[in-house]
Amino acid sequence: MSLIASGLLVAGQIVGPIAGALVAVVLMKIEPRAPQDKAAARRYRIGSIATTAILFTLPLWITALM
């Protein structure tokens, strides 16, 4: 049980700064200047948001099951 709790704590410590950086980039509207790069950046941003949301909710879900 303590191994799972430690793993969840580490997961939260990893996902937190990633989520914070992603929020900062989105709020500050940091994006490339070239139009063709903007489309690629938008795809990567959507993928990053989805991945971060999954990584954020997974430890919360596991904690709720405990």
PDB file of N, CA and C in Angstrom:
ATOM      1  N   MET A   1       0.831  -1.197   0.000  1.00  0.00           N
ATOM      2  CA  MET A   1       0.000   0.000   0.000  1.00  0.00           C
ATOM      3  C   MET A   1       0.875   1.260   0.000  1.00  0.00           C
ATOM      4  N   SER A   2       1.948   1.247   0.788  1.00  0.00           N
ATOM      5  CA  SER A   2       2.791   2.428   0.846  1.00  0.00           C
ATOM      6  C   SER A   2       3.574   2.615  -0.456  1.00  0.00           C
ATOM      7  N   LEU A   3       3.849   1.523  -1.155  1.00  0.00           N
ATOM      8  CA  LEU A   3       4.516   1.627  -2.455  1.00  0.00           C
ATOM      9  C   LEU A   3       3.612   2.332  -3.463  1.00  0.00           C
ATOM     10  N   ILE A   4       2.327   2.010  -3.445  1.00  0.00           N
ATOM     11  CA  ILE A   4       1.377   2.656  -4.351  1.00  0.00           C
ATOM     12  C   ILE A   4       1.254   4.140  -4.013  1.00  0.00           C
ATOM     13  N   ALA A   5       1.164   4.454  -2.721  1.00  0.00           N
ATOM     14  CA  ALA A   5       1.050   5.854  -2.305  1.00  0.00           C
ATOM     15  C   ALA A   5       2.291   6.642  -2.707  1.00  0.00           C
ATOM     16  N   SER A   6       3.466   6.034  -2.570  1.00  0.00           N
ATOM     17  CA  SER A   6       4.705   6.707  -2.968  1.00  0.00           C
ATOM     18  C   SER A   6       4.742   6.935  -4.479  1.00  0.00           C
ATOM     19  N   GLY A   7       4.309   5.939  -5.220  1.00  0.00           N
ATOM     20  CA  GLY A   7       4.255   6.084  -6.677  1.00  0.00           C
ATOM     21  C   GLY A   7       3.308   7.178  -7.110  1.00  0.00           C
ATOM     22  N   LEU A   8       2.163   7.282  -6.438  1.00  0.00           N
ATOM     23  CA  LEU A   8       1.208   8.341  -6.763  1.00  0.00           C
ATOM     24  C   LEU A   8       1.770   9.715  -6.438  1.00  0.00           C
ATOM     25  N   LEU A   9       2.515   9.808  -5.347  1.00  0.00           N
ATOM     26  CA  LEU A   9       3.134  11.077  -4.990  1.00  0.00           C
ATOM     27  C   LEU A   9       4.161  11.493  -6.040  1.00  0.00           C
ATOM     28  N   VAL A  10       4.974  10.557  -6.471  1.00  0.00           N
ATOM     29  CA  VAL A  10       5.964  10.847  -7.505  1.00  0.00           C
ATOM     30  C   VAL A  10       5.275  11.236  -8.811  1.00  0.00           C
ATOM     31  N   ALA A  11       4.211  10.522  -9.165  1.00  0.00           N
ATOM     32  CA  ALA A  11       3.473  10.845 -10.390  1.00  0.00           C
ATOM     33  C   ALA A  11       2.916  12.264 -10.325  1.00  0.00           C
ATOM     34  N   GLY A  12       2.397  12.651  -9.174  1.00  0.00           N
ATOM     35  CA  GLY A  12       1.885  14.010  -9.018  1.00  0.00           C
ATOM     36  C   GLY A  12       2.974  15.048  -9.125  1.00  0.00           C
ATOM     37  N   GLN A  13       4.158  14.728  -8.601  1.00  0.00           N
ATOM     38  CA  GLN A  13       5.283  15.654  -8.672  1.00  0.00           C
ATOM     39  C   GLN A  13       5.816  15.796 -10.091  1.00  0.00           C
ATOM     40  N   ILE A  14       5.598  14.810 -10.916  1.00  0.00           N
ATOM     41  CA  ILE A  14       6.037  14.884 -12.310  1.00  0.00           C
ATOM     42  C   ILE A  14       4.999  15.584 -13.171  1.00  0.00           C
ATOM     43  N   VAL A  15       3.740  15.233 -12.984  1.00  0.00           N
ATOM     44  CA  VAL A  15       2.669  15.780 -13.825  1.00  0.00           C
ATOM     45  C   VAL A  15       2.389  17.248 -13.494  1.00  0.00           C
ATOM     46  N   GLY A  16       2.547  17.647 -12.245  1.00  0.00           N
ATOM     47  CA  GLY A  16       2.250  19.020 -11.842  1.00  0.00           C
ATOM     48  C   GLY A  16       3.030  20.074 -12.606  1.00  0.00           C
ATOM     49  N   PRO A  17       4.358  19.995 -12.629  1.00  0.00           N
ATOM     50  CA  PRO A  17       5.114  21.004 -13.394  1.00  0.00           C
ATOM     51  C   PRO A  17       4.842  20.965 -14.892  1.00  0.00           C
ATOM     52  N   ILE A  18       4.599  19.777 -15.427  1.00  0.00           N
ATOM     53  CA  ILE A  18       4.282  19.678 -16.854  1.00  0.00           C
ATOM     54  C   ILE A  18       2.969  20.394 -17.139  1.00  0.00           C
ATOM     55  N   ALA A  19       1.972  20.161 -16.291  1.00  0.00           N
ATOM     56  CA  ALA A  19       0.675  20.820 -16.473  1.00  0.00           C
ATOM     57  C   ALA A  19       0.812  22.329 -16.300  1.00  0.00           C
ATOM     58  N   GLY A  20       1.599  22.758 -15.331  1.00  0.00           N
ATOM     59  CA  GLY A  20       1.808  24.187 -15.118  1.00  0.00           C
ATOM     60  C   GLY A  20       2.473  24.861 -16.302  1.00  0.00           C
ATOM     61  N   ALA A  21       3.464  24.207 -16.867  1.00  0.00           N
ATOM     62  CA  ALA A  21       4.143  24.765 -18.039  1.00  0.00           C
ATOM     63  C   ALA A  21       3.203  24.831 -19.229  1.00  0.00           C
ATOM     64  N   LEU A  22       2.384  23.807 -19.400  1.00  0.00           N
ATOM     65  CA  LEU A  22       1.431  23.797 -20.511  1.00  0.00           C
ATOM     66  C   LEU A  22       0.397  24.911 -20.362  1.00  0.00           C
ATOM     67  N   VAL A  23      -0.080  25.119 -19.147  1.00  0.00           N
ATOM     68  CA  VAL A  23      -1.040  26.206 -18.896  1.00  0.00           C
ATOM     69  C   VAL A  23      -0.385  27.554 -19.170  1.00  0.00           C
ATOM     70  N   ALA A  24       0.869  27.718 -18.753  1.00  0.00           N
ATOM     71  CA  ALA A  24       1.569  28.986 -18.989  1.00  0.00           C
ATOM     72  C   ALA A  24       1.733  29.262 -20.482  1.00  0.00           C
ATOM     73  N   VAL A  25       2.089  28.244 -21.258  1.00  0.00           N
ATOM     74  CA  VAL A  25       2.252  28.424 -22.702  1.00  0.00           C
ATOM     75  C   VAL A  25       0.926  28.803 -23.356  1.00  0.00           C
ATOM     76  N   VAL A  26      -0.153  28.159 -22.931  1.00  0.00           N
ATOM     77  CA  VAL A  26      -1.461  28.449 -23.529  1.00  0.00           C
ATOM     78  C   VAL A  26      -1.934  29.848 -23.130  1.00  0.00           C
ATOM     79  N   LEU A  27      -1.791  30.215 -21.857  1.00  0.00           N
ATOM     80  CA  LEU A  27      -2.260  31.529 -21.406  1.00  0.00           C
ATOM     81  C   LEU A  27      -1.440  32.681 -21.981  1.00  0.00           C
ATOM     82  N   MET A  28      -0.149  32.447 -22.161  1.00  0.00           N
ATOM     83  CA  MET A  28       0.706  33.495 -22.723  1.00  0.00           C
ATOM     84  C   MET A  28       0.661  33.529 -24.243  1.00  0.00           C
ATOM     85  N   LYS A  29      -0.079  32.588 -24.831  1.00  0.00           N
ATOM     86  CA  LYS A  29      -0.261  32.496 -26.282  1.00  0.00           C
ATOM     87  C   LYS A  29       1.075  32.453 -27.024  1.00  0.00           C
ATOM     88  N   ILE A  30       1.954  31.586 -26.549  1.00  0.00           N
ATOM     89  CA  ILE A  30       3.249  31.390 -27.194  1.00  0.00           C
ATOM     90  C   ILE A  30       3.042  30.449 -28.369  1.00  0.00           C
ATOM     91  N   GLU A  31       3.403  30.905 -29.551  1.00  0.00           N
ATOM     92  CA  GLU A  31       3.223  30.088 -30.750  1.00  0.00           C
ATOM     93  C   GLU A  31       4.256  30.482 -31.800  1.00  0.00           C
ATOM     94  N   PRO A  32       4.503  29.618 -32.772  1.00  0.00           N
ATOM     95  CA  PRO A  32       5.467  29.946 -33.827  1.00  0.00           C
ATOM     96  C   PRO A  32       4.944  31.046 -34.746  1.00  0.00           C
ATOM     97  N   ARG A  33       5.849  31.670 -35.448  1.00  0.00           N
ATOM     98  CA  ARG A  33       5.452  32.760 -36.354  1.00  0.00           C
ATOM     99  C   ARG A  33       5.006  32.260 -37.712  1.00  0.00           C
ATOM    100  N   ALA A  34       5.620  31.204 -38.199  1.00  0.00           N
ATOM    101  CA  ALA A  34       5.308  30.702 -39.546  1.00  0.00           C
ATOM    102  C   ALA A  34       3.950  29.994 -39.546  1.00  0.00           C
ATOM    103  N   PRO A  35       3.112  30.282 -40.563  1.00  0.00           N
ATOM    104  CA  PRO A  35       1.774  29.678 -40.610  1.00  0.00           C
ATOM    105  C   PRO A  35       1.798  28.142 -40.671  1.00  0.00           C
ATOM    106  N   GLN A  36       2.739  27.561 -41.419  1.00  0.00           N
ATOM    107  CA  GLN A  36       2.766  26.100 -41.511  1.00  0.00           C
ATOM    108  C   GLN A  36       3.182  25.483 -40.174  1.00  0.00           C
ATOM    109  N   ASP A  37       3.967  26.198 -39.398  1.00  0.00           N
ATOM    110  CA  ASP A  37       4.364  25.691 -38.087  1.00  0.00           C
ATOM    111  C   ASP A  37       3.239  25.827 -37.067  1.00  0.00           C
ATOM    112  N   LYS A  38       2.346  26.793 -37.274  1.00  0.00           N
ATOM    113  CA  LYS A  38       1.234  26.986 -36.346  1.00  0.00           C
ATOM    114  C   LYS A  38       0.300  25.784 -36.337  1.00  0.00           C
ATOM    115  N   ALA A  39       0.058  25.200 -37.500  1.00  0.00           N
ATOM    116  CA  ALA A  39      -0.826  24.032 -37.570  1.00  0.00           C
ATOM    117  C   ALA A  39      -0.212  22.843 -36.833  1.00  0.00           C
ATOM    118  N   ALA A  40       1.072  22.634 -37.022  1.00  0.00           N
ATOM    119  CA  ALA A  40       1.749  21.533 -36.325  1.00  0.00           C
ATOM    120  C   ALA A  40       1.772  21.783 -34.821  1.00  0.00           C
ATOM    121  N   ALA A  41       2.017  23.017 -34.423  1.00  0.00           N
ATOM    122  CA  ALA A  41       2.045  23.352 -32.998  1.00  0.00           C
ATOM    123  C   ALA A  41       0.677  23.144 -32.363  1.00  0.00           C
ATOM    124  N   ARG A  42      -0.383  23.456 -33.088  1.00  0.00           N
ATOM    125  CA  ARG A  42      -1.740  23.270 -32.577  1.00  0.00           C
ATOM    126  C   ARG A  42      -2.025  21.793 -32.343  1.00  0.00           C
ATOM    127  N   ARG A  43      -1.583  20.936 -33.279  1.00  0.00           N
ATOM    128  CA  ARG A  43      -1.781  19.489 -33.115  1.00  0.00           C
ATOM    129  C   ARG A  43      -1.025  18.975 -31.897  1.00  0.00           C
ATOM    130  N   TYR A  44       0.214  19.409 -31.750  1.00  0.00           N
ATOM    131  CA  TYR A  44       1.009  18.970 -30.600  1.00  0.00           C
ATOM    132  C   TYR A  44       0.427  19.489 -29.288  1.00  0.00           C
ATOM    133  N   ARG A  45      -0.101  20.711 -29.304  1.00  0.00           N
ATOM    134  CA  ARG A  45      -0.690  21.277 -28.091  1.00  0.00           C
ATOM    135  C   ARG A  45      -1.914  20.484 -27.669  1.00  0.00           C
ATOM    136  N   ILE A  46      -2.761  20.122 -28.626  1.00  0.00           N
ATOM    137  CA  ILE A  46      -3.953  19.337 -28.309  1.00  0.00           C
ATOM    138  C   ILE A  46      -3.557  17.969 -27.758  1.00  0.00           C
ATOM    139  N   GLY A  47      -2.555  17.352 -28.372  1.00  0.00           N
ATOM    140  CA  GLY A  47      -2.071  16.065 -27.872  1.00  0.00           C
ATOM    141  C   GLY A  47      -1.470  16.184 -26.482  1.00  0.00           C
ATOM    142  N   SER A  48      -0.747  17.263 -26.232  1.00  0.00           N
ATOM    143  CA  SER A  48      -0.151  17.475 -24.914  1.00  0.00           C
ATOM    144  C   SER A  48      -1.208  17.702 -23.851  1.00  0.00           C
ATOM    145  N   ILE A  49      -2.241  18.447 -24.194  1.00  0.00           N
ATOM    146  CA  ILE A  49      -3.324  18.686 -23.240  1.00  0.00           C
ATOM    147  C   ILE A  49      -4.042  17.384 -22.918  1.00  0.00           C
ATOM    148  N   ALA A  50      -4.314  16.581 -23.925  1.00  0.00           N
ATOM    149  CA  ALA A  50      -4.997  15.303 -23.703  1.00  0.00           C
ATOM    150  C   ALA A  50      -4.144  14.364 -22.860  1.00  0.00           C
ATOM    151  N   THR A  51      -2.863  14.273 -23.172  1.00  0.00           N
ATOM    152  CA  THR A  51      -1.972  13.398 -22.410  1.00  0.00           C
ATOM    153  C   THR A  51      -1.841  13.864 -20.967  1.00  0.00           C
ATOM    154  N   THR A  52      -1.694  15.164 -20.767  1.00  0.00           N
ATOM    155  CA  THR A  52      -1.581  15.704 -19.418  1.00  0.00           C
ATOM    156  C   THR A  52      -2.867  15.481 -18.627  1.00  0.00           C
ATOM    157  N   ALA A  53      -4.006  15.625 -19.273  1.00  0.00           N
ATOM    158  CA  ALA A  53      -5.277  15.383 -18.579  1.00  0.00           C
ATOM    159  C   ALA A  53      -5.384  13.926 -18.136  1.00  0.00           C
ATOM    160  N   ILE A  54      -4.969  13.014 -18.995  1.00  0.00           N
ATOM    161  CA  ILE A  54      -4.996  11.593 -18.628  1.00  0.00           C
ATOM    162  C   ILE A  54      -4.029  11.327 -17.487  1.00  0.00           C
ATOM    163  N   LEU A  55      -2.817  11.865 -17.582  1.00  0.00           N
ATOM    164  CA  LEU A  55      -1.829  11.651 -16.535  1.00  0.00           C
ATOM    165  C   LEU A  55      -2.219  12.322 -15.228  1.00  0.00           C
ATOM    166  N   PHE A  56      -3.021  13.370 -15.293  1.00  0.00           N
ATOM    167  CA  PHE A  56      -3.477  14.056 -14.092  1.00  0.00           C
ATOM    168  C   PHE A  56      -4.624  13.301 -13.418  1.00  0.00           C
ATOM    169  N   THR A  57      -5.539  12.767 -14.212  1.00  0.00           N
ATOM    170  CA  THR A  57      -6.695  12.091 -13.633  1.00  0.00           C
ATOM    171  C   THR A  57      -6.394  10.656 -13.205  1.00  0.00           C
ATOM    172  N   LEU A  58      -5.408  10.021 -13.818  1.00  0.00           N
ATOM    173  CA  LEU A  58      -5.086   8.641 -13.468  1.00  0.00           C
ATOM    174  C   LEU A  58      -4.682   8.488 -11.996  1.00  0.00           C
ATOM    175  N   PRO A  59      -3.744   9.284 -11.456  1.00  0.00           N
ATOM    176  CA  PRO A  59      -3.434   9.146 -10.031  1.00  0.00           C
ATOM    177  C   PRO A  59      -4.621   9.486  -9.123  1.00  0.00           C
ATOM    178  N   LEU A  60      -5.426  10.458  -9.550  1.00  0.00           N
ATOM    179  CA  LEU A  60      -6.613  10.791  -8.740  1.00  0.00           C
ATOM    180  C   LEU A  60      -7.594   9.620  -8.697  1.00  0.00           C
ATOM    181  N   TRP A  61      -7.749   8.952  -9.819  1.00  0.00           N
ATOM    182  CA  TRP A  61      -8.653   7.797  -9.891  1.00  0.00           C
ATOM    183  C   TRP A  61      -8.125   6.655  -9.036  1.00  0.00           C
ATOM    184  N   ILE A  62      -6.833   6.401  -9.131  1.00  0.00           N
ATOM    185  CA  ILE A  62      -6.243   5.329  -8.326  1.00  0.00           C
ATOM    186  C   ILE A  62      -6.351   5.648  -6.840  1.00  0.00           C
ATOM    187  N   THR A  63      -6.150   6.909  -6.482  1.00  0.00           N
ATOM    188  CA  THR A  63      -6.287   7.317  -5.084  1.00  0.00           C
ATOM    189  C   THR A  63      -7.715   7.119  -4.596  1.00  0.00           C
ATOM    190  N   ALA A  64      -8.683   7.421  -5.441  1.00  0.00           N
ATOM    191  CA  ALA A  64     -10.082   7.222  -5.047  1.00  0.00           C
ATOM    192  C   ALA A  64     -10.403   5.744  -4.834  1.00  0.00           C
ATOM    193  N   LEU A  65      -9.746   4.867  -5.593  1.00  0.00           N
ATOM    194  CA  LEU A  65      -9.978   3.430  -5.420  1.00  0.00           C
ATOM    195  C   LEU A  65      -9.371   2.895  -4.134  1.00  0.00           C
ATOM    196  N   MET A  66      -8.336   3.564  -3.653  1.00  0.00           N
ATOM    197  CA  MET A  66      -7.679   3.102  -2.427  1.00  0.00           C
ATOM    198  C   MET A  66      -8.544   3.486  -1.273  1.00  0.00           C
TER     199      MET A  66
END
